[in-house]
């Protein structure tokens, strides 16, 4: 990925990576599950913000 990739594509790829990480963390016991929920909400909201701004 380079800086010439459109922002909406970069944010989509970021959200996919965040989703995979959260899926992994959700399988762990304890605190990582709580962190996964917040990380998912904040990591995927960037895509919604980009869509609304364009």
PDB file of N, CA and C in Angstrom:
ATOM      1  N   UNK A   1       0.840  -1.170   0.000  1.00  0.00           N
ATOM      2  CA  UNK A   1       0.000   0.000   0.000  1.00  0.00           C
ATOM      3  C   UNK A   1       0.892   1.241   0.000  1.00  0.00           C
ATOM      4  N   UNK A   2       0.594   2.168  -0.858  1.00  0.00           N
ATOM      5  CA  UNK A   2       1.378   3.404  -0.900  1.00  0.00           C
ATOM      6  C   UNK A   2       0.480   4.601  -0.657  1.00  0.00           C
ATOM      7  N   UNK A   3       1.052   5.779  -0.646  1.00  0.00           N
ATOM      8  CA  UNK A   3       0.287   6.992  -0.364  1.00  0.00           C
ATOM      9  C   UNK A   3      -0.614   7.410  -1.508  1.00  0.00           C
ATOM     10  N   UNK A   4      -0.510   6.741  -2.653  1.00  0.00           N
ATOM     11  CA  UNK A   4      -1.351   7.084  -3.787  1.00  0.00           C
ATOM     12  C   UNK A   4      -2.650   6.282  -3.801  1.00  0.00           C
ATOM     13  N   UNK A   5      -2.798   5.383  -2.850  1.00  0.00           N
ATOM     14  CA  UNK A   5      -4.033   4.625  -2.721  1.00  0.00           C
ATOM     15  C   UNK A   5      -5.093   5.550  -2.130  1.00  0.00           C
ATOM     16  N   UNK A   6      -6.290   5.571  -2.703  1.00  0.00           N
ATOM     17  CA  UNK A   6      -7.351   6.451  -2.177  1.00  0.00           C
ATOM     18  C   UNK A   6      -7.634   6.190  -0.696  1.00  0.00           C
ATOM     19  N   UNK A   7      -7.995   7.244   0.002  1.00  0.00           N
ATOM     20  CA  UNK A   7      -8.206   7.159   1.449  1.00  0.00           C
ATOM     21  C   UNK A   7      -9.300   6.165   1.796  1.00  0.00           C
ATOM     22  N   UNK A   8     -10.349   6.069   0.969  1.00  0.00           N
ATOM     23  CA  UNK A   8     -11.423   5.135   1.300  1.00  0.00           C
ATOM     24  C   UNK A   8     -10.947   3.683   1.203  1.00  0.00           C
ATOM     25  N   UNK A   9     -10.031   3.382   0.294  1.00  0.00           N
ATOM     26  CA  UNK A   9      -9.483   2.028   0.210  1.00  0.00           C
ATOM     27  C   UNK A   9      -8.570   1.736   1.392  1.00  0.00           C
ATOM     28  N   UNK A  10      -7.773   2.732   1.785  1.00  0.00           N
ATOM     29  CA  UNK A  10      -6.870   2.535   2.928  1.00  0.00           C
ATOM     30  C   UNK A  10      -7.652   2.341   4.218  1.00  0.00           C
ATOM     31  N   UNK A  11      -8.718   3.119   4.402  1.00  0.00           N
ATOM     32  CA  UNK A  11      -9.503   2.967   5.625  1.00  0.00           C
ATOM     33  C   UNK A  11     -10.247   1.643   5.640  1.00  0.00           C
ATOM     34  N   UNK A  12     -10.675   1.156   4.479  1.00  0.00           N
ATOM     35  CA  UNK A  12     -11.324  -0.155   4.411  1.00  0.00           C
ATOM     36  C   UNK A  12     -10.353  -1.257   4.811  1.00  0.00           C
ATOM     37  N   UNK A  13      -9.147  -1.209   4.273  1.00  0.00           N
ATOM     38  CA  UNK A  13      -8.135  -2.213   4.621  1.00  0.00           C
ATOM     39  C   UNK A  13      -7.786  -2.143   6.111  1.00  0.00           C
ATOM     40  N   UNK A  14      -7.723  -0.947   6.647  1.00  0.00           N
ATOM     41  CA  UNK A  14      -7.464  -0.777   8.078  1.00  0.00           C
ATOM     42  C   UNK A  14      -8.573  -1.427   8.899  1.00  0.00           C
ATOM     43  N   UNK A  15      -9.821  -1.197   8.505  1.00  0.00           N
ATOM     44  CA  UNK A  15     -10.961  -1.775   9.221  1.00  0.00           C
ATOM     45  C   UNK A  15     -10.940  -3.299   9.147  1.00  0.00           C
ATOM     46  N   UNK A  16     -10.535  -3.842   8.019  1.00  0.00           N
ATOM     47  CA  UNK A  16     -10.436  -5.299   7.886  1.00  0.00           C
ATOM     48  C   UNK A  16      -9.384  -5.836   8.850  1.00  0.00           C
ATOM     49  N   UNK A  17      -8.253  -5.175   8.925  1.00  0.00           N
ATOM     50  CA  UNK A  17      -7.191  -5.612   9.834  1.00  0.00           C
ATOM     51  C   UNK A  17      -7.632  -5.506  11.294  1.00  0.00           C
ATOM     52  N   UNK A  18      -8.336  -4.419  11.622  1.00  0.00           N
ATOM     53  CA  UNK A  18      -8.847  -4.238  12.981  1.00  0.00           C
ATOM     54  C   UNK A  18      -9.837  -5.344  13.318  1.00  0.00           C
ATOM     55  N   UNK A  19     -10.703  -5.676  12.380  1.00  0.00           N
ATOM     56  CA  UNK A  19     -11.696  -6.723  12.600  1.00  0.00           C
ATOM     57  C   UNK A  19     -11.032  -8.072  12.872  1.00  0.00           C
ATOM     58  N   UNK A  20      -9.992  -8.376  12.121  1.00  0.00           N
ATOM     59  CA  UNK A  20      -9.271  -9.639  12.338  1.00  0.00           C
ATOM     60  C   UNK A  20      -8.598  -9.653  13.710  1.00  0.00           C
ATOM     61  N   UNK A  21      -7.992  -8.548  14.091  1.00  0.00           N
ATOM     62  CA  UNK A  21      -7.358  -8.456  15.402  1.00  0.00           C
ATOM     63  C   UNK A  21      -8.391  -8.607  16.511  1.00  0.00           C
ATOM     64  N   UNK A  22      -9.527  -7.948  16.366  1.00  0.00           N
ATOM     65  CA  UNK A  22     -10.571  -8.034  17.386  1.00  0.00           C
ATOM     66  C   UNK A  22     -11.133  -9.443  17.487  1.00  0.00           C
ATOM     67  N   UNK A  23     -11.230 -10.113  16.366  1.00  0.00           N
ATOM     68  CA  UNK A  23     -11.691 -11.503  16.377  1.00  0.00           C
ATOM     69  C   UNK A  23     -10.735 -12.375  17.180  1.00  0.00           C
ATOM     70  N   UNK A  24      -9.448 -12.166  16.992  1.00  0.00           N
ATOM     71  CA  UNK A  24      -8.438 -12.900  17.759  1.00  0.00           C
ATOM     72  C   UNK A  24      -8.543 -12.557  19.247  1.00  0.00           C
ATOM     73  N   UNK A  25      -8.623 -11.266  19.576  1.00  0.00           N
ATOM     74  CA  UNK A  25      -8.671 -10.843  20.976  1.00  0.00           C
ATOM     75  C   UNK A  25      -9.935 -11.335  21.671  1.00  0.00           C
ATOM     76  N   UNK A  26     -11.024 -11.422  20.922  1.00  0.00           N
ATOM     77  CA  UNK A  26     -12.291 -11.856  21.508  1.00  0.00           C
ATOM     78  C   UNK A  26     -12.217 -13.307  21.991  1.00  0.00           C
ATOM     79  N   UNK A  27     -11.323 -14.080  21.419  1.00  0.00           N
ATOM     80  CA  UNK A  27     -11.169 -15.487  21.819  1.00  0.00           C
ATOM     81  C   UNK A  27     -10.314 -15.639  23.074  1.00  0.00           C
ATOM     82  N   UNK A  28      -9.669 -14.549  23.494  1.00  0.00           N
ATOM     83  CA  UNK A  28      -8.821 -14.584  24.679  1.00  0.00           C
ATOM     84  C   UNK A  28      -9.671 -14.289  25.911  1.00  0.00           C
ATOM     85  N   UNK A  29      -9.337 -14.879  27.044  1.00  0.00           N
ATOM     86  CA  UNK A  29     -10.106 -14.612  28.266  1.00  0.00           C
ATOM     87  C   UNK A  29      -9.724 -13.274  28.900  1.00  0.00           C
ATOM     88  N   UNK A  30     -10.657 -12.700  29.623  1.00  0.00           N
ATOM     89  CA  UNK A  30     -10.366 -11.526  30.438  1.00  0.00           C
ATOM     90  C   UNK A  30     -10.347 -10.204  29.697  1.00  0.00           C
ATOM     91  N   UNK A  31      -9.419  -9.371  30.096  1.00  0.00           N
ATOM     92  CA  UNK A  31      -9.320  -7.997  29.623  1.00  0.00           C
ATOM     93  C   UNK A  31      -9.243  -7.851  28.105  1.00  0.00           C
ATOM     94  N   UNK A  32      -8.512  -8.693  27.380  1.00  0.00           N
ATOM     95  CA  UNK A  32      -8.459  -8.507  25.926  1.00  0.00           C
ATOM     96  C   UNK A  32      -9.836  -8.465  25.269  1.00  0.00           C
ATOM     97  N   UNK A  33     -10.808  -9.159  25.839  1.00  0.00           N
ATOM     98  CA  UNK A  33     -12.158  -9.128  25.266  1.00  0.00           C
ATOM     99  C   UNK A  33     -12.771  -7.746  25.403  1.00  0.00           C
ATOM    100  N   UNK A  34     -12.565  -7.103  26.534  1.00  0.00           N
ATOM    101  CA  UNK A  34     -13.094  -5.747  26.729  1.00  0.00           C
ATOM    102  C   UNK A  34     -12.396  -4.767  25.798  1.00  0.00           C
ATOM    103  N   UNK A  35     -11.105  -4.927  25.657  1.00  0.00           N
ATOM    104  CA  UNK A  35     -10.353  -4.057  24.759  1.00  0.00           C
ATOM    105  C   UNK A  35     -10.765  -4.270  23.313  1.00  0.00           C
ATOM    106  N   UNK A  36     -11.061  -5.500  22.944  1.00  0.00           N
ATOM    107  CA  UNK A  36     -11.457  -5.812  21.573  1.00  0.00           C
ATOM    108  C   UNK A  36     -12.731  -5.071  21.192  1.00  0.00           C
ATOM    109  N   UNK A  37     -13.672  -4.992  22.102  1.00  0.00           N
ATOM    110  CA  UNK A  37     -14.935  -4.312  21.813  1.00  0.00           C
ATOM    111  C   UNK A  37     -14.698  -2.827  21.527  1.00  0.00           C
ATOM    112  N   UNK A  38     -13.921  -2.173  22.361  1.00  0.00           N
ATOM    113  CA  UNK A  38     -13.648  -0.750  22.160  1.00  0.00           C
ATOM    114  C   UNK A  38     -12.802  -0.527  20.909  1.00  0.00           C
ATOM    115  N   UNK A  39     -11.814  -1.375  20.703  1.00  0.00           N
ATOM    116  CA  UNK A  39     -10.965  -1.264  19.515  1.00  0.00           C
ATOM    117  C   UNK A  39     -11.786  -1.424  18.247  1.00  0.00           C
ATOM    118  N   UNK A  40     -12.715  -2.351  18.243  1.00  0.00           N
ATOM    119  CA  UNK A  40     -13.573  -2.560  17.078  1.00  0.00           C
ATOM    120  C   UNK A  40     -14.394  -1.307  16.783  1.00  0.00           C
ATOM    121  N   UNK A  41     -15.003  -0.737  17.809  1.00  0.00           N
ATOM    122  CA  UNK A  41     -15.828   0.465  17.602  1.00  0.00           C
ATOM    123  C   UNK A  41     -14.997   1.631  17.074  1.00  0.00           C
ATOM    124  N   UNK A  42     -13.864   1.865  17.692  1.00  0.00           N
ATOM    125  CA  UNK A  42     -13.053   3.014  17.284  1.00  0.00           C
ATOM    126  C   UNK A  42     -12.313   2.759  15.970  1.00  0.00           C
ATOM    127  N   UNK A  43     -11.882   1.525  15.743  1.00  0.00           N
ATOM    128  CA  UNK A  43     -11.114   1.209  14.532  1.00  0.00           C
ATOM    129  C   UNK A  43     -11.948   1.186  13.271  1.00  0.00           C
ATOM    130  N   UNK A  44     -13.227   0.884  13.398  1.00  0.00           N
ATOM    131  CA  UNK A  44     -14.076   0.831  12.214  1.00  0.00           C
ATOM    132  C   UNK A  44     -14.841   2.133  11.984  1.00  0.00           C
ATOM    133  N   UNK A  45     -14.877   3.011  12.959  1.00  0.00           N
ATOM    134  CA  UNK A  45     -15.609   4.269  12.781  1.00  0.00           C
ATOM    135  C   UNK A  45     -14.926   5.196  11.781  1.00  0.00           C
ATOM    136  N   UNK A  46     -13.641   5.023  11.542  1.00  0.00           N
ATOM    137  CA  UNK A  46     -12.938   5.874  10.589  1.00  0.00           C
ATOM    138  C   UNK A  46     -13.548   5.765   9.198  1.00  0.00           C
ATOM    139  N   UNK A  47     -13.959   4.564   8.823  1.00  0.00           N
ATOM    140  CA  UNK A  47     -14.586   4.370   7.518  1.00  0.00           C
ATOM    141  C   UNK A  47     -15.883   5.137   7.397  1.00  0.00           C
ATOM    142  N   UNK A  48     -16.685   5.120   8.441  1.00  0.00           N
ATOM    143  CA  UNK A  48     -17.947   5.867   8.438  1.00  0.00           C
ATOM    144  C   UNK A  48     -17.682   7.368   8.353  1.00  0.00           C
ATOM    145  N   UNK A  49     -16.671   7.822   9.050  1.00  0.00           N
ATOM    146  CA  UNK A  49     -16.336   9.242   9.021  1.00  0.00           C
ATOM    147  C   UNK A  49     -15.877   9.675   7.632  1.00  0.00           C
ATOM    148  N   UNK A  50     -15.091   8.850   6.983  1.00  0.00           N
ATOM    149  CA  UNK A  50     -14.618   9.164   5.623  1.00  0.00           C
ATOM    150  C   UNK A  50     -15.790   9.196   4.652  1.00  0.00           C
ATOM    151  N   UNK A  51     -16.683   8.216   4.753  1.00  0.00           N
ATOM    152  CA  UNK A  51     -17.843   8.161   3.863  1.00  0.00           C
ATOM    153  C   UNK A  51     -18.711   9.401   4.021  1.00  0.00           C
ATOM    154  N   UNK A  52     -18.899   9.831   5.256  1.00  0.00           N
ATOM    155  CA  UNK A  52     -19.744  10.989   5.492  1.00  0.00           C
ATOM    156  C   UNK A  52     -19.103  12.286   4.988  1.00  0.00           C
ATOM    157  N   UNK A  53     -17.796  12.335   5.015  1.00  0.00           N
ATOM    158  CA  UNK A  53     -17.117  13.572   4.616  1.00  0.00           C
ATOM    159  C   UNK A  53     -17.006  13.724   3.109  1.00  0.00           C
ATOM    160  N   UNK A  54     -17.174  12.643   2.352  1.00  0.00           N
ATOM    161  CA  UNK A  54     -17.041  12.740   0.887  1.00  0.00           C
ATOM    162  C   UNK A  54     -18.373  12.804   0.203  1.00  0.00           C
TER     163      UNK A  54
END
